[in-house]
């Protein structure tokens, strides 16, 4: 029996695979390296209980052939679907990006799960499904959901497809609504972006927006811990959870100053205008994780502590 991960070479996929292997699970995964890298997989590829194939999940025929072969060799008991476009501005510039990489990867995964009789899906959703509600504390029962980015819209459409699949063929679905997840191996994100900018221009850091954007940040180690706890403790058919820090988040200004102090203390930080970094950016959201806390879990790190740890880790990664 094995666990299958889409997007396994990405930031979260690599960390999840490592934890599952440490639990003596068999793990397999696919990735097209649009964000992840072969270097991220180096340690995993040496592991006797891990297998990998490079392919695009939007190519249904290729996906079907590879997954059928994998399932024949080692029956898959559950799928962790992490593959998606993670570049929100790219999805705003070209709607096909999120249709292809965020929604169709989910659609095709559900089609093949039905064909192969795989009953359990864990899905990486996002806070972006909610939309822009400012100071309102967002719970899993909040509605209507009003995403303002194509990424959020396609994540919400994916959630809807999963809900429909539960009525027809899927046995169980775990839906995790992520905040901003940080740590290593970083493949994108504001911390890595700031570090790279300062390495290129140590005297100046350009920031999109005025720095007042305020969001919840969770370290990837705690994300993995929370997701597996939900899987193990909530026996429900549809388990939908906000996963995040237990605070109101921190600002982009805090992140910029933390990175500046670590990388180039003399640098000038130059902010833009407005409270949005790009079209589709939610300037502030506040998560409720009361449902998750009721299962007996809460993060050990607040948003600020998670950012400080990730800045050190990503700076080390970028300095190699």
C-alpha atoms as a PDB file:
ATOM      1  CA  UNK A   1       0.000   0.000   0.000  1.00  0.00           C
ATOM      2  CA  UNK A   2       1.278   3.491  -0.791  1.00  0.00           C
ATOM      3  CA  UNK A   3       0.435   7.179  -0.541  1.00  0.00           C
ATOM      4  CA  UNK A   4       0.531   9.213  -3.751  1.00  0.00           C
ATOM      5  CA  UNK A   5       1.489  12.920  -3.800  1.00  0.00           C
ATOM      6  CA  UNK A   6       0.966  15.268  -6.739  1.00  0.00           C
ATOM      7  CA  UNK A   7       3.440  18.146  -6.832  1.00  0.00           C
ATOM      8  CA  UNK A   8       5.842  16.096  -4.742  1.00  0.00           C
ATOM      9  CA  UNK A   9       8.934  18.078  -5.810  1.00  0.00           C
ATOM     10  CA  UNK A  10       7.439  21.309  -4.509  1.00  0.00           C
ATOM     11  CA  UNK A  11       8.029  22.941  -1.176  1.00  0.00           C
ATOM     12  CA  UNK A  12       5.194  21.263   0.744  1.00  0.00           C
ATOM     13  CA  UNK A  13       5.330  17.995  -1.193  1.00  0.00           C
ATOM     14  CA  UNK A  14       8.966  17.318  -0.303  1.00  0.00           C
ATOM     15  CA  UNK A  15       8.342  17.972   3.391  1.00  0.00           C
ATOM     16  CA  UNK A  16       5.211  15.809   3.437  1.00  0.00           C
ATOM     17  CA  UNK A  17       6.980  12.929   1.683  1.00  0.00           C
ATOM     18  CA  UNK A  18       9.863  13.034   4.168  1.00  0.00           C
ATOM     19  CA  UNK A  19       7.499  12.863   7.151  1.00  0.00           C
ATOM     20  CA  UNK A  20       5.450  10.020   5.648  1.00  0.00           C
ATOM     21  CA  UNK A  21       8.592   8.013   4.888  1.00  0.00           C
ATOM     22  CA  UNK A  22       9.758   8.558   8.464  1.00  0.00           C
ATOM     23  CA  UNK A  23       6.437   6.991   9.504  1.00  0.00           C
ATOM     24  CA  UNK A  24       7.315   3.878   7.465  1.00  0.00           C
ATOM     25  CA  UNK A  25       4.794   4.650   4.708  1.00  0.00           C
ATOM     26  CA  UNK A  26       5.446   3.914   1.043  1.00  0.00           C
ATOM     27  CA  UNK A  27       5.299   7.137  -0.970  1.00  0.00           C
ATOM     28  CA  UNK A  28       5.087   7.864  -4.689  1.00  0.00           C
ATOM     29  CA  UNK A  29       4.762  11.169  -6.466  1.00  0.00           C
ATOM     30  CA  UNK A  30       4.557  13.016  -9.765  1.00  0.00           C
ATOM     31  CA  UNK A  31       5.762  16.510 -10.642  1.00  0.00           C
ATOM     32  CA  UNK A  32       6.473  18.564 -13.773  1.00  0.00           C
ATOM     33  CA  UNK A  33       9.078  20.782 -12.049  1.00  0.00           C
ATOM     34  CA  UNK A  34       7.239  24.016 -12.845  1.00  0.00           C
ATOM     35  CA  UNK A  35       8.037  25.141  -9.279  1.00  0.00           C
ATOM     36  CA  UNK A  36       9.803  22.259  -7.568  1.00  0.00           C
ATOM     37  CA  UNK A  37      13.184  20.929  -8.644  1.00  0.00           C
ATOM     38  CA  UNK A  38      15.091  17.702  -9.038  1.00  0.00           C
ATOM     39  CA  UNK A  39      17.495  18.954  -6.387  1.00  0.00           C
ATOM     40  CA  UNK A  40      14.621  18.997  -3.870  1.00  0.00           C
ATOM     41  CA  UNK A  41      14.083  15.287  -4.524  1.00  0.00           C
ATOM     42  CA  UNK A  42      17.696  14.160  -4.174  1.00  0.00           C
ATOM     43  CA  UNK A  43      17.332  12.615  -0.709  1.00  0.00           C
ATOM     44  CA  UNK A  44      13.907  11.146  -1.485  1.00  0.00           C
ATOM     45  CA  UNK A  45      15.070   9.420  -4.678  1.00  0.00           C
ATOM     46  CA  UNK A  46      17.646   7.496  -2.667  1.00  0.00           C
ATOM     47  CA  UNK A  47      14.965   6.115  -0.357  1.00  0.00           C
ATOM     48  CA  UNK A  48      13.861   2.503  -1.054  1.00  0.00           C
ATOM     49  CA  UNK A  49      10.189   3.274  -0.255  1.00  0.00           C
ATOM     50  CA  UNK A  50       9.895   6.261  -2.599  1.00  0.00           C
ATOM     51  CA  UNK A  51       9.169   6.328  -6.334  1.00  0.00           C
ATOM     52  CA  UNK A  52       8.802   9.229  -8.751  1.00  0.00           C
ATOM     53  CA  UNK A  53       7.775  10.105 -12.307  1.00  0.00           C
ATOM     54  CA  UNK A  54       8.054  13.428 -14.132  1.00  0.00           C
ATOM     55  CA  UNK A  55       4.889  14.398 -16.025  1.00  0.00           C
ATOM     56  CA  UNK A  56       2.175  17.025 -16.503  1.00  0.00           C
ATOM     57  CA  UNK A  57      -1.065  16.195 -14.718  1.00  0.00           C
ATOM     58  CA  UNK A  58      -3.078  18.150 -17.282  1.00  0.00           C
ATOM     59  CA  UNK A  59      -2.102  15.470 -19.843  1.00  0.00           C
ATOM     60  CA  UNK A  60      -4.808  12.994 -18.856  1.00  0.00           C
ATOM     61  CA  UNK A  61      -3.593  10.153 -21.078  1.00  0.00           C
ATOM     62  CA  UNK A  62      -0.029  10.311 -19.740  1.00  0.00           C
ATOM     63  CA  UNK A  63      -1.304  10.757 -16.184  1.00  0.00           C
ATOM     64  CA  UNK A  64      -3.616   7.746 -16.545  1.00  0.00           C
ATOM     65  CA  UNK A  65      -0.874   5.501 -17.926  1.00  0.00           C
ATOM     66  CA  UNK A  66       1.640   6.402 -15.203  1.00  0.00           C
ATOM     67  CA  UNK A  67      -0.861   6.202 -12.342  1.00  0.00           C
ATOM     68  CA  UNK A  68      -2.281   2.869 -13.519  1.00  0.00           C
ATOM     69  CA  UNK A  69       1.250   1.421 -13.610  1.00  0.00           C
ATOM     70  CA  UNK A  70       2.004   2.769 -10.159  1.00  0.00           C
ATOM     71  CA  UNK A  71      -1.271   1.447  -8.756  1.00  0.00           C
ATOM     72  CA  UNK A  72      -0.600  -2.014 -10.204  1.00  0.00           C
ATOM     73  CA  UNK A  73       2.826  -2.208  -8.571  1.00  0.00           C
ATOM     74  CA  UNK A  74       1.766  -0.860  -5.202  1.00  0.00           C
ATOM     75  CA  UNK A  75      -1.952  -0.166  -4.607  1.00  0.00           C
ATOM     76  CA  UNK A  76      -2.555   3.482  -3.683  1.00  0.00           C
ATOM     77  CA  UNK A  77      -4.655   3.992  -0.565  1.00  0.00           C
ATOM     78  CA  UNK A  78      -4.830   7.790  -0.584  1.00  0.00           C
ATOM     79  CA  UNK A  79      -3.926  10.733  -2.788  1.00  0.00           C
ATOM     80  CA  UNK A  80      -2.472  14.013  -1.521  1.00  0.00           C
ATOM     81  CA  UNK A  81      -3.169  16.547  -4.248  1.00  0.00           C
ATOM     82  CA  UNK A  82      -0.746  19.451  -3.826  1.00  0.00           C
ATOM     83  CA  UNK A  83      -0.021  20.308  -7.474  1.00  0.00           C
ATOM     84  CA  UNK A  84      -1.250  23.771  -8.509  1.00  0.00           C
ATOM     85  CA  UNK A  85      -0.145  27.105  -9.893  1.00  0.00           C
ATOM     86  CA  UNK A  86       1.236  29.075  -6.956  1.00  0.00           C
ATOM     87  CA  UNK A  87       1.957  32.293  -8.889  1.00  0.00           C
ATOM     88  CA  UNK A  88      -1.211  34.373  -8.378  1.00  0.00           C
ATOM     89  CA  UNK A  89      -0.123  37.298 -10.623  1.00  0.00           C
ATOM     90  CA  UNK A  90       0.620  34.844 -13.461  1.00  0.00           C
ATOM     91  CA  UNK A  91      -2.917  33.508 -13.163  1.00  0.00           C
ATOM     92  CA  UNK A  92      -4.332  37.028 -13.314  1.00  0.00           C
ATOM     93  CA  UNK A  93      -2.316  37.810 -16.456  1.00  0.00           C
ATOM     94  CA  UNK A  94      -3.392  34.572 -18.166  1.00  0.00           C
ATOM     95  CA  UNK A  95      -6.576  32.809 -17.011  1.00  0.00           C
ATOM     96  CA  UNK A  96      -5.444  29.573 -18.667  1.00  0.00           C
ATOM     97  CA  UNK A  97      -2.687  29.145 -16.075  1.00  0.00           C
ATOM     98  CA  UNK A  98      -5.005  28.417 -13.148  1.00  0.00           C
ATOM     99  CA  UNK A  99      -7.553  26.600 -15.290  1.00  0.00           C
ATOM    100  CA  UNK A 100      -4.813  24.222 -16.424  1.00  0.00           C
ATOM    101  CA  UNK A 101      -2.530  23.954 -13.402  1.00  0.00           C
ATOM    102  CA  UNK A 102      -4.951  24.445 -10.501  1.00  0.00           C
ATOM    103  CA  UNK A 103      -8.372  23.179 -11.621  1.00  0.00           C
ATOM    104  CA  UNK A 104      -7.680  20.630 -14.361  1.00  0.00           C
ATOM    105  CA  UNK A 105      -5.052  18.878 -12.265  1.00  0.00           C
ATOM    106  CA  UNK A 106      -7.778  18.382  -9.637  1.00  0.00           C
ATOM    107  CA  UNK A 107     -10.348  17.341 -12.220  1.00  0.00           C
ATOM    108  CA  UNK A 108      -8.014  14.776 -13.789  1.00  0.00           C
ATOM    109  CA  UNK A 109      -6.961  13.439 -10.389  1.00  0.00           C
ATOM    110  CA  UNK A 110     -10.600  12.840  -9.452  1.00  0.00           C
ATOM    111  CA  UNK A 111     -11.281  11.121 -12.800  1.00  0.00           C
ATOM    112  CA  UNK A 112      -8.404   8.702 -12.260  1.00  0.00           C
ATOM    113  CA  UNK A 113      -9.288   8.074  -8.631  1.00  0.00           C
ATOM    114  CA  UNK A 114     -12.740   6.992  -9.793  1.00  0.00           C
ATOM    115  CA  UNK A 115     -11.311   4.755 -12.519  1.00  0.00           C
ATOM    116  CA  UNK A 116      -8.834   3.110 -10.142  1.00  0.00           C
ATOM    117  CA  UNK A 117     -11.124   2.889  -7.123  1.00  0.00           C
ATOM    118  CA  UNK A 118      -8.966   5.049  -4.840  1.00  0.00           C
ATOM    119  CA  UNK A 119     -11.225   6.372  -2.110  1.00  0.00           C
ATOM    120  CA  UNK A 120      -9.350   9.003  -0.057  1.00  0.00           C
ATOM    121  CA  UNK A 121      -8.221  12.445  -1.209  1.00  0.00           C
ATOM    122  CA  UNK A 122      -6.342  15.098   0.766  1.00  0.00           C
ATOM    123  CA  UNK A 123      -6.486  18.458  -1.003  1.00  0.00           C
ATOM    124  CA  UNK A 124      -4.333  21.562  -0.578  1.00  0.00           C
ATOM    125  CA  UNK A 125      -6.832  24.411  -0.764  1.00  0.00           C
ATOM    126  CA  UNK A 126      -6.212  28.014   0.252  1.00  0.00           C
ATOM    127  CA  UNK A 127      -7.369  31.024   2.217  1.00  0.00           C
ATOM    128  CA  UNK A 128      -7.817  32.575  -1.244  1.00  0.00           C
ATOM    129  CA  UNK A 129     -11.181  30.786  -1.604  1.00  0.00           C
ATOM    130  CA  UNK A 130     -12.746  33.193   0.916  1.00  0.00           C
ATOM    131  CA  UNK A 131     -12.051  36.517  -0.789  1.00  0.00           C
ATOM    132  CA  UNK A 132     -11.495  39.911   0.801  1.00  0.00           C
ATOM    133  CA  UNK A 133     -13.356  40.265   4.105  1.00  0.00           C
ATOM    134  CA  UNK A 134     -10.899  42.512   5.929  1.00  0.00           C
ATOM    135  CA  UNK A 135     -11.084  42.152   9.713  1.00  0.00           C
ATOM    136  CA  UNK A 136     -13.777  39.454   9.672  1.00  0.00           C
ATOM    137  CA  UNK A 137     -12.542  36.301  11.397  1.00  0.00           C
ATOM    138  CA  UNK A 138     -12.907  33.592   8.757  1.00  0.00           C
ATOM    139  CA  UNK A 139     -14.360  30.241   9.803  1.00  0.00           C
ATOM    140  CA  UNK A 140     -14.918  27.127   7.713  1.00  0.00           C
ATOM    141  CA  UNK A 141     -18.679  27.872   7.808  1.00  0.00           C
ATOM    142  CA  UNK A 142     -18.253  31.320   6.247  1.00  0.00           C
ATOM    143  CA  UNK A 143     -20.200  32.002   3.068  1.00  0.00           C
ATOM    144  CA  UNK A 144     -20.765  32.935   0.377  1.00  0.00           C
ATOM    145  CA  UNK A 145     -17.164  32.517  -0.691  1.00  0.00           C
ATOM    146  CA  UNK A 146     -16.021  35.310  -3.021  1.00  0.00           C
ATOM    147  CA  UNK A 147     -12.440  34.763  -4.287  1.00  0.00           C
ATOM    148  CA  UNK A 148     -10.810  37.762  -5.976  1.00  0.00           C
ATOM    149  CA  UNK A 149      -8.049  35.909  -7.870  1.00  0.00           C
ATOM    150  CA  UNK A 150      -8.228  33.229 -10.553  1.00  0.00           C
ATOM    151  CA  UNK A 151      -6.121  31.071  -8.250  1.00  0.00           C
ATOM    152  CA  UNK A 152      -8.714  31.353  -5.465  1.00  0.00           C
ATOM    153  CA  UNK A 153     -11.549  30.761  -7.937  1.00  0.00           C
ATOM    154  CA  UNK A 154      -9.965  27.570  -9.262  1.00  0.00           C
ATOM    155  CA  UNK A 155      -9.220  26.331  -5.739  1.00  0.00           C
ATOM    156  CA  UNK A 156     -12.883  26.913  -4.869  1.00  0.00           C
ATOM    157  CA  UNK A 157     -13.999  25.171  -8.071  1.00  0.00           C
ATOM    158  CA  UNK A 158     -11.751  22.269  -7.083  1.00  0.00           C
ATOM    159  CA  UNK A 159     -13.410  22.107  -3.660  1.00  0.00           C
ATOM    160  CA  UNK A 160     -16.787  21.975  -5.423  1.00  0.00           C
ATOM    161  CA  UNK A 161     -15.654  19.106  -7.661  1.00  0.00           C
ATOM    162  CA  UNK A 162     -14.394  17.211  -4.625  1.00  0.00           C
ATOM    163  CA  UNK A 163     -17.733  17.712  -2.875  1.00  0.00           C
ATOM    164  CA  UNK A 164     -19.567  16.337  -5.919  1.00  0.00           C
ATOM    165  CA  UNK A 165     -17.163  13.379  -6.114  1.00  0.00           C
ATOM    166  CA  UNK A 166     -18.051  12.451  -2.540  1.00  0.00           C
ATOM    167  CA  UNK A 167     -21.615  11.889  -3.708  1.00  0.00           C
ATOM    168  CA  UNK A 168     -20.625   9.612  -6.583  1.00  0.00           C
ATOM    169  CA  UNK A 169     -17.396   7.737  -5.930  1.00  0.00           C
ATOM    170  CA  UNK A 170     -15.049   9.322  -3.394  1.00  0.00           C
ATOM    171  CA  UNK A 171     -15.091   7.807   0.091  1.00  0.00           C
ATOM    172  CA  UNK A 172     -13.382  10.574   2.071  1.00  0.00           C
ATOM    173  CA  UNK A 173     -11.962  14.039   1.426  1.00  0.00           C
ATOM    174  CA  UNK A 174      -9.675  16.167   3.549  1.00  0.00           C
ATOM    175  CA  UNK A 175      -9.664  19.835   2.497  1.00  0.00           C
ATOM    176  CA  UNK A 176      -6.937  21.987   4.032  1.00  0.00           C
ATOM    177  CA  UNK A 177      -7.279  25.748   3.588  1.00  0.00           C
ATOM    178  CA  UNK A 178      -3.695  26.987   3.823  1.00  0.00           C
ATOM    179  CA  UNK A 179      -2.491  30.395   4.979  1.00  0.00           C
ATOM    180  CA  UNK A 180       0.919  31.643   3.761  1.00  0.00           C
ATOM    181  CA  UNK A 181       3.197  28.648   4.330  1.00  0.00           C
ATOM    182  CA  UNK A 182       6.927  29.297   4.738  1.00  0.00           C
ATOM    183  CA  UNK A 183      10.156  27.355   5.263  1.00  0.00           C
ATOM    184  CA  UNK A 184      12.509  25.341   3.081  1.00  0.00           C
ATOM    185  CA  UNK A 185      13.147  24.245   0.407  1.00  0.00           C
ATOM    186  CA  UNK A 186      11.655  27.579  -0.679  1.00  0.00           C
ATOM    187  CA  UNK A 187      10.560  27.736  -4.328  1.00  0.00           C
ATOM    188  CA  UNK A 188       8.767  31.094  -4.267  1.00  0.00           C
ATOM    189  CA  UNK A 189       7.228  33.591  -1.866  1.00  0.00           C
ATOM    190  CA  UNK A 190       7.830  36.988  -0.340  1.00  0.00           C
ATOM    191  CA  UNK A 191      10.772  35.996   1.891  1.00  0.00           C
ATOM    192  CA  UNK A 192      12.738  34.390  -0.930  1.00  0.00           C
ATOM    193  CA  UNK A 193      11.862  37.305  -3.209  1.00  0.00           C
ATOM    194  CA  UNK A 194      13.144  39.879  -0.689  1.00  0.00           C
ATOM    195  CA  UNK A 195      16.352  37.927  -0.031  1.00  0.00           C
ATOM    196  CA  UNK A 196      17.094  37.646  -3.756  1.00  0.00           C
ATOM    197  CA  UNK A 197      16.369  41.338  -4.314  1.00  0.00           C
ATOM    198  CA  UNK A 198      18.772  42.340  -1.541  1.00  0.00           C
ATOM    199  CA  UNK A 199      21.478  40.049  -2.830  1.00  0.00           C
ATOM    200  CA  UNK A 200      21.140  41.734  -6.225  1.00  0.00           C
ATOM    201  CA  UNK A 201      20.892  45.318  -4.852  1.00  0.00           C
ATOM    202  CA  UNK A 202      22.176  45.342  -1.240  1.00  0.00           C
ATOM    203  CA  UNK A 203      21.520  49.060  -0.814  1.00  0.00           C
ATOM    204  CA  UNK A 204      17.813  49.009  -1.680  1.00  0.00           C
ATOM    205  CA  UNK A 205      14.738  46.767  -1.242  1.00  0.00           C
ATOM    206  CA  UNK A 206      11.729  47.455  -3.455  1.00  0.00           C
ATOM    207  CA  UNK A 207       8.402  46.330  -1.918  1.00  0.00           C
ATOM    208  CA  UNK A 208       5.141  45.953  -3.825  1.00  0.00           C
ATOM    209  CA  UNK A 209       2.438  47.881  -1.962  1.00  0.00           C
ATOM    210  CA  UNK A 210       2.747  50.063   1.120  1.00  0.00           C
ATOM    211  CA  UNK A 211       3.726  47.257   3.506  1.00  0.00           C
ATOM    212  CA  UNK A 212       0.467  47.240   5.501  1.00  0.00           C
ATOM    213  CA  UNK A 213      -0.733  43.950   4.019  1.00  0.00           C
ATOM    214  CA  UNK A 214      -1.316  41.670   7.020  1.00  0.00           C
ATOM    215  CA  UNK A 215      -1.658  37.899   6.891  1.00  0.00           C
ATOM    216  CA  UNK A 216      -1.159  34.693   8.821  1.00  0.00           C
ATOM    217  CA  UNK A 217       2.102  32.773   8.303  1.00  0.00           C
ATOM    218  CA  UNK A 218       2.667  29.122   9.246  1.00  0.00           C
ATOM    219  CA  UNK A 219       5.924  27.198   9.153  1.00  0.00           C
ATOM    220  CA  UNK A 220       5.789  24.156   6.872  1.00  0.00           C
ATOM    221  CA  UNK A 221       6.823  21.781   9.683  1.00  0.00           C
ATOM    222  CA  UNK A 222       3.712  22.745  11.634  1.00  0.00           C
ATOM    223  CA  UNK A 223       1.509  22.576   8.536  1.00  0.00           C
ATOM    224  CA  UNK A 224       2.507  18.943   7.920  1.00  0.00           C
ATOM    225  CA  UNK A 225       1.957  18.107  11.575  1.00  0.00           C
ATOM    226  CA  UNK A 226      -1.526  19.660  11.536  1.00  0.00           C
ATOM    227  CA  UNK A 227      -2.621  17.961   8.305  1.00  0.00           C
ATOM    228  CA  UNK A 228      -1.612  14.513   9.474  1.00  0.00           C
ATOM    229  CA  UNK A 229      -3.310  15.068  12.822  1.00  0.00           C
ATOM    230  CA  UNK A 230      -6.557  15.979  11.027  1.00  0.00           C
ATOM    231  CA  UNK A 231      -6.246  12.856   8.893  1.00  0.00           C
ATOM    232  CA  UNK A 232      -5.772  10.689  11.965  1.00  0.00           C
ATOM    233  CA  UNK A 233      -8.328  12.291  14.322  1.00  0.00           C
ATOM    234  CA  UNK A 234     -11.282  13.391  12.197  1.00  0.00           C
ATOM    235  CA  UNK A 235     -13.080  10.349  10.743  1.00  0.00           C
ATOM    236  CA  UNK A 236     -15.588  12.440   8.789  1.00  0.00           C
ATOM    237  CA  UNK A 237     -16.390  12.035   5.105  1.00  0.00           C
ATOM    238  CA  UNK A 238     -15.672  15.696   4.288  1.00  0.00           C
ATOM    239  CA  UNK A 239     -13.129  17.264   6.644  1.00  0.00           C
ATOM    240  CA  UNK A 240     -12.558  20.946   5.832  1.00  0.00           C
ATOM    241  CA  UNK A 241     -10.140  22.895   8.036  1.00  0.00           C
ATOM    242  CA  UNK A 242      -8.448  26.260   8.177  1.00  0.00           C
ATOM    243  CA  UNK A 243      -4.799  25.596   9.002  1.00  0.00           C
ATOM    244  CA  UNK A 244      -2.794  28.582  10.181  1.00  0.00           C
ATOM    245  CA  UNK A 245      -1.196  30.523  13.001  1.00  0.00           C
ATOM    246  CA  UNK A 246      -3.273  31.324  16.085  1.00  0.00           C
ATOM    247  CA  UNK A 247      -2.940  35.104  15.718  1.00  0.00           C
ATOM    248  CA  UNK A 248      -3.950  37.997  13.473  1.00  0.00           C
ATOM    249  CA  UNK A 249      -0.832  37.709  11.335  1.00  0.00           C
ATOM    250  CA  UNK A 250       2.003  40.105  10.617  1.00  0.00           C
ATOM    251  CA  UNK A 251       2.592  42.795   8.008  1.00  0.00           C
ATOM    252  CA  UNK A 252       4.708  42.826   4.883  1.00  0.00           C
ATOM    253  CA  UNK A 253       6.591  45.697   6.532  1.00  0.00           C
ATOM    254  CA  UNK A 254       7.601  43.331   9.367  1.00  0.00           C
ATOM    255  CA  UNK A 255       8.818  40.764   6.841  1.00  0.00           C
ATOM    256  CA  UNK A 256      10.753  43.368   4.838  1.00  0.00           C
ATOM    257  CA  UNK A 257      12.471  44.697   7.962  1.00  0.00           C
ATOM    258  CA  UNK A 258      13.279  41.198   9.235  1.00  0.00           C
ATOM    259  CA  UNK A 259      14.835  40.215   5.906  1.00  0.00           C
ATOM    260  CA  UNK A 260      16.669  43.558   5.612  1.00  0.00           C
ATOM    261  CA  UNK A 261      18.146  43.196   9.109  1.00  0.00           C
ATOM    262  CA  UNK A 262      19.412  39.695   8.283  1.00  0.00           C
ATOM    263  CA  UNK A 263      20.690  40.212   4.746  1.00  0.00           C
ATOM    264  CA  UNK A 264      21.681  43.873   4.297  1.00  0.00           C
ATOM    265  CA  UNK A 265      21.129  45.970   7.460  1.00  0.00           C
ATOM    266  CA  UNK A 266      22.061  49.238   5.750  1.00  0.00           C
ATOM    267  CA  UNK A 267      19.557  48.826   2.905  1.00  0.00           C
ATOM    268  CA  UNK A 268      16.782  51.342   2.350  1.00  0.00           C
ATOM    269  CA  UNK A 269      13.292  49.836   2.102  1.00  0.00           C
ATOM    270  CA  UNK A 270      11.226  51.522  -0.604  1.00  0.00           C
ATOM    271  CA  UNK A 271       7.490  50.876  -0.433  1.00  0.00           C
ATOM    272  CA  UNK A 272       4.967  51.233  -3.219  1.00  0.00           C
ATOM    273  CA  UNK A 273       1.460  52.630  -3.048  1.00  0.00           C
ATOM    274  CA  UNK A 274      -1.766  51.033  -1.892  1.00  0.00           C
ATOM    275  CA  UNK A 275      -2.376  48.017   0.297  1.00  0.00           C
ATOM    276  CA  UNK A 276      -2.276  45.387  -2.466  1.00  0.00           C
ATOM    277  CA  UNK A 277       0.901  43.937  -3.897  1.00  0.00           C
ATOM    278  CA  UNK A 278      -0.851  42.872  -7.126  1.00  0.00           C
ATOM    279  CA  UNK A 279      -4.306  42.369  -8.623  1.00  0.00           C
ATOM    280  CA  UNK A 280      -5.975  39.545  -6.710  1.00  0.00           C
ATOM    281  CA  UNK A 281      -3.928  40.101  -3.557  1.00  0.00           C
ATOM    282  CA  UNK A 282      -6.038  39.989  -0.374  1.00  0.00           C
ATOM    283  CA  UNK A 283      -4.508  42.758   1.764  1.00  0.00           C
ATOM    284  CA  UNK A 284      -5.624  41.315   5.092  1.00  0.00           C
ATOM    285  CA  UNK A 285      -7.282  38.192   6.383  1.00  0.00           C
ATOM    286  CA  UNK A 286      -7.806  36.776   9.857  1.00  0.00           C
ATOM    287  CA  UNK A 287      -8.233  33.021  10.251  1.00  0.00           C
ATOM    288  CA  UNK A 288     -10.169  31.183  12.894  1.00  0.00           C
ATOM    289  CA  UNK A 289      -8.498  27.851  13.692  1.00  0.00           C
ATOM    290  CA  UNK A 290     -10.948  27.010  16.482  1.00  0.00           C
ATOM    291  CA  UNK A 291     -12.101  23.890  14.629  1.00  0.00           C
ATOM    292  CA  UNK A 292      -8.516  22.643  14.409  1.00  0.00           C
ATOM    293  CA  UNK A 293      -7.813  23.509  18.045  1.00  0.00           C
ATOM    294  CA  UNK A 294     -10.858  21.436  19.039  1.00  0.00           C
ATOM    295  CA  UNK A 295      -8.961  18.386  17.721  1.00  0.00           C
ATOM    296  CA  UNK A 296      -6.201  19.134  20.219  1.00  0.00           C
ATOM    297  CA  UNK A 297      -3.701  20.967  18.000  1.00  0.00           C
ATOM    298  CA  UNK A 298      -2.366  24.486  17.911  1.00  0.00           C
ATOM    299  CA  UNK A 299       0.850  25.881  16.424  1.00  0.00           C
ATOM    300  CA  UNK A 300       3.863  26.400  18.651  1.00  0.00           C
ATOM    301  CA  UNK A 301       5.025  29.362  16.547  1.00  0.00           C
ATOM    302  CA  UNK A 302       3.151  32.570  15.947  1.00  0.00           C
ATOM    303  CA  UNK A 303       3.328  34.279  12.555  1.00  0.00           C
ATOM    304  CA  UNK A 304       6.285  36.455  13.622  1.00  0.00           C
ATOM    305  CA  UNK A 305       8.287  33.514  15.007  1.00  0.00           C
ATOM    306  CA  UNK A 306       7.556  31.449  11.884  1.00  0.00           C
ATOM    307  CA  UNK A 307       8.809  34.290   9.681  1.00  0.00           C
ATOM    308  CA  UNK A 308      12.009  34.723  11.705  1.00  0.00           C
ATOM    309  CA  UNK A 309      12.769  31.003  11.470  1.00  0.00           C
ATOM    310  CA  UNK A 310      12.016  30.904   7.741  1.00  0.00           C
ATOM    311  CA  UNK A 311      14.177  33.975   7.043  1.00  0.00           C
ATOM    312  CA  UNK A 312      17.177  32.198   8.591  1.00  0.00           C
ATOM    313  CA  UNK A 313      16.457  28.979   6.698  1.00  0.00           C
ATOM    314  CA  UNK A 314      15.862  30.616   3.329  1.00  0.00           C
ATOM    315  CA  UNK A 315      18.868  32.913   3.700  1.00  0.00           C
ATOM    316  CA  UNK A 316      21.015  29.823   4.283  1.00  0.00           C
ATOM    317  CA  UNK A 317      19.416  28.121   1.250  1.00  0.00           C
ATOM    318  CA  UNK A 318      20.072  31.149  -0.974  1.00  0.00           C
ATOM    319  CA  UNK A 319      23.672  31.464   0.243  1.00  0.00           C
ATOM    320  CA  UNK A 320      24.789  28.006  -0.865  1.00  0.00           C
END
